[in-house]
Amino acid sequence: MRLRAHILGLALSATVASAEEPLPDVAAVPPGGYVTRAMFTTDIHEREPLNWVTELRNDRTVIFFYTDLRNLTGRTVVHRWKWNGRPMGDVPIEVGGPRWRAYSIKTLHPSWLGEWTVTVVDPEGEVFIEKAFTYVEADAPAPLPDVGAGGAPPAPRPAAGGATAPERGSP
């Protein structure tokens, strides 16, 4: 119940999956490895996504992309971030175990509205899975950061990544 309370609190600024919605896709990939879960979330807690975001209001500026990878030990996968089809950064992830939960983080400027996608690929470009969320204007816009004399939003920065060790004693 505590987790549900956190999700309800975040629903004010993010659209999250409810119990009635289907779980994220499981994607099979070339022999030996696959992605069991892939989703956008507003936070990671104890190596797990806090919620499942399909739409995010621009009064929030940080989004995580979480993947649960299986049987990819010793391989590299890449979280390839795109905004309205435009490449915004690649985050390589070295898989260190048979179950590897990893995520990348993107800081969004409130003006970067539209469709955001992350494609999980291997170094040869083989696609494991692709997910998308929509970044929309909030009812009351968030204050814009000081952008200096130029008046333009800051240039996009590459996504940052994080990987966590596999959970001990769990499949």
Protein backbone atom coordinates (compact mmCIF):
# COMPACT_ATOMS: atom_id res chain seq x y z
CA MET A 1 0.00 0.00 0.00
CA ARG A 2 2.89 2.37 0.70
CA LEU A 3 4.10 2.12 -2.90
CA ARG A 4 0.58 2.79 -4.20
CA ALA A 5 0.48 5.97 -2.08
CA HIS A 6 3.72 7.15 -3.69
CA ILE A 7 2.37 6.44 -7.16
CA LEU A 8 -0.84 8.32 -6.44
CA GLY A 9 1.20 11.28 -5.24
CA LEU A 10 3.18 11.30 -8.46
CA ALA A 11 0.08 11.05 -10.63
CA LEU A 12 -0.28 14.82 -10.36
CA SER A 13 2.68 15.29 -12.66
CA ALA A 14 3.03 11.95 -14.46
CA THR A 15 0.67 9.47 -16.01
CA VAL A 16 1.53 6.07 -14.60
CA ALA A 17 0.32 2.56 -15.28
CA SER A 18 -2.51 1.31 -13.13
CA ALA A 19 -3.26 -2.25 -12.07
CA GLU A 20 -5.70 -2.56 -14.99
CA GLU A 21 -3.10 -1.73 -17.65
CA PRO A 22 -0.96 -4.46 -19.23
CA LEU A 23 2.60 -4.99 -18.05
CA PRO A 24 5.46 -3.75 -20.25
CA ASP A 25 6.41 -5.94 -23.21
CA VAL A 26 8.95 -8.72 -22.93
CA ALA A 27 11.20 -8.61 -25.96
CA ALA A 28 13.18 -11.53 -27.30
CA VAL A 29 16.52 -10.83 -28.95
CA PRO A 30 19.14 -12.83 -30.76
CA PRO A 31 20.13 -16.09 -29.03
CA GLY A 32 21.11 -15.88 -25.41
CA GLY A 33 19.68 -12.64 -24.08
CA TYR A 34 16.51 -10.65 -23.63
CA VAL A 35 14.86 -7.73 -21.85
CA THR A 36 12.22 -8.72 -19.29
CA ARG A 37 11.15 -5.17 -18.40
CA ALA A 38 11.77 -1.76 -19.92
CA MET A 39 10.01 1.40 -18.78
CA PHE A 40 10.25 5.09 -18.03
CA THR A 41 9.95 6.04 -14.36
CA THR A 42 10.31 9.12 -12.18
CA ASP A 43 12.64 7.39 -9.72
CA ILE A 44 14.46 4.18 -8.83
CA HIS A 45 14.15 2.73 -5.31
CA GLU A 46 16.06 -0.37 -4.17
CA ARG A 47 16.98 -1.16 -7.78
CA GLU A 48 13.35 -1.06 -8.93
CA PRO A 49 11.32 1.57 -10.83
CA LEU A 50 8.94 3.57 -8.65
CA ASN A 51 6.24 3.82 -11.34
CA TRP A 52 5.64 3.38 -15.06
CA VAL A 53 5.44 6.70 -16.93
CA THR A 54 3.80 7.10 -20.33
CA GLU A 55 3.30 10.87 -20.09
CA LEU A 56 5.29 13.42 -18.10
CA ARG A 57 4.39 17.07 -17.48
CA ASN A 58 7.12 19.63 -17.95
CA ASP A 59 7.01 20.75 -14.33
CA ARG A 60 9.21 17.66 -13.81
CA THR A 61 12.58 17.66 -15.53
CA VAL A 62 14.16 14.30 -14.67
CA ILE A 63 13.19 10.93 -16.15
CA PHE A 64 14.77 7.49 -15.78
CA PHE A 65 14.73 4.61 -18.27
CA TYR A 66 14.92 1.25 -16.49
CA THR A 67 15.75 -2.14 -18.01
CA ASP A 68 15.84 -5.63 -16.51
CA LEU A 69 18.27 -7.58 -18.69
CA ARG A 70 18.64 -11.38 -18.72
CA ASN A 71 21.37 -13.68 -19.99
CA LEU A 72 23.51 -10.86 -21.40
CA THR A 73 26.51 -11.24 -19.05
CA GLY A 74 29.66 -9.72 -20.53
CA ARG A 75 27.79 -7.89 -23.31
CA THR A 76 27.19 -4.20 -23.76
CA VAL A 77 23.75 -2.76 -24.41
CA VAL A 78 23.00 0.86 -25.22
CA HIS A 79 20.09 3.06 -24.14
CA ARG A 80 19.66 5.29 -27.23
CA TRP A 81 17.67 8.42 -26.30
CA LYS A 82 15.75 10.36 -28.99
CA TRP A 83 13.52 13.43 -28.83
CA ASN A 84 11.00 13.77 -31.68
CA GLY A 85 13.28 11.48 -33.71
CA ARG A 86 16.42 13.52 -33.00
CA PRO A 87 19.34 11.65 -31.33
CA MET A 88 19.94 12.98 -27.82
CA GLY A 89 22.53 10.55 -26.44
CA ASP A 90 23.70 6.98 -26.11
CA VAL A 91 24.33 5.39 -22.72
CA PRO A 92 26.40 2.18 -22.88
CA ILE A 93 25.73 -0.37 -20.15
CA GLU A 94 28.15 -3.20 -19.39
CA VAL A 95 26.09 -6.18 -18.25
CA GLY A 96 27.76 -7.81 -15.27
CA GLY A 97 25.50 -10.75 -14.45
CA PRO A 98 22.73 -13.08 -15.67
CA ARG A 99 20.10 -10.72 -14.24
CA TRP A 100 21.19 -7.11 -14.56
CA ARG A 101 18.96 -4.18 -13.68
CA ALA A 102 20.22 -0.92 -15.13
CA TYR A 103 18.94 2.55 -15.88
CA SER A 104 19.87 5.79 -17.59
CA ILE A 105 18.78 9.28 -16.58
CA LYS A 106 17.84 12.27 -18.71
CA THR A 107 17.39 15.84 -17.52
CA LEU A 108 14.79 17.54 -19.69
CA HIS A 109 14.38 21.22 -20.43
CA PRO A 110 10.72 22.28 -20.04
CA SER A 111 10.65 23.39 -23.70
CA TRP A 112 11.58 19.92 -25.03
CA LEU A 113 7.96 18.85 -25.46
CA GLY A 114 6.95 15.92 -27.63
CA GLU A 115 7.80 12.26 -27.97
CA TRP A 116 10.84 10.81 -26.24
CA THR A 117 12.01 7.30 -27.04
CA VAL A 118 14.70 5.01 -25.77
CA THR A 119 15.80 2.12 -27.93
CA VAL A 120 17.81 -0.64 -26.28
CA VAL A 121 20.37 -1.90 -28.79
CA ASP A 122 23.56 -3.94 -28.85
CA PRO A 123 26.80 -2.50 -30.30
CA GLU A 124 25.92 -3.92 -33.75
CA GLY A 125 22.62 -2.04 -33.74
CA GLU A 126 20.36 -5.05 -33.10
CA VAL A 127 17.21 -3.71 -31.40
CA PHE A 128 16.11 -5.38 -28.18
CA ILE A 129 13.13 -3.11 -27.42
CA GLU A 130 11.94 0.48 -27.84
CA LYS A 131 9.70 2.47 -25.48
CA ALA A 132 8.28 5.99 -25.65
CA PHE A 133 6.73 8.62 -23.41
CA THR A 134 5.23 12.01 -24.18
CA TYR A 135 6.56 15.19 -22.53
CA VAL A 136 3.67 17.65 -22.24
CA GLU A 137 3.09 21.15 -20.97
CA ALA A 138 1.91 21.36 -17.38
CA ASP A 139 -1.22 23.33 -16.47
CA ALA A 140 0.95 25.91 -14.69
CA PRO A 141 4.37 26.09 -16.36
CA ALA A 142 7.41 25.50 -14.20
CA PRO A 143 9.73 28.48 -13.82
CA LEU A 144 12.41 28.44 -16.51
CA PRO A 145 16.03 28.41 -15.46
CA ASP A 146 18.14 31.50 -16.04
CA VAL A 147 19.45 31.04 -19.59
CA GLY A 148 21.61 34.13 -19.73
CA ALA A 149 21.70 36.88 -22.32
CA GLY A 150 21.05 34.59 -25.29
CA GLY A 151 17.54 33.74 -24.14
CA ALA A 152 17.68 30.24 -25.63
CA PRO A 153 17.26 27.03 -23.66
CA PRO A 154 20.46 25.23 -22.81
CA ALA A 155 21.84 22.81 -25.39
CA PRO A 156 20.76 19.20 -24.91
CA ARG A 157 23.13 17.11 -22.83
CA PRO A 158 23.73 13.40 -23.35
CA ALA A 159 21.84 11.06 -21.06
CA ALA A 160 23.66 9.77 -18.00
CA GLY A 161 23.66 6.12 -17.05
CA GLY A 162 23.67 3.99 -14.01
CA ALA A 163 23.82 0.27 -13.51
CA THR A 164 23.29 -1.75 -10.43
CA ALA A 165 24.55 -5.15 -9.47
CA PRO A 166 22.22 -8.12 -9.73
CA GLU A 167 20.15 -8.77 -6.67
CA ARG A 168 21.73 -11.46 -4.54
CA GLY A 169 19.77 -14.66 -4.17
CA SER A 170 16.96 -13.79 -6.57
CA PRO A 171 16.39 -15.09 -10.08
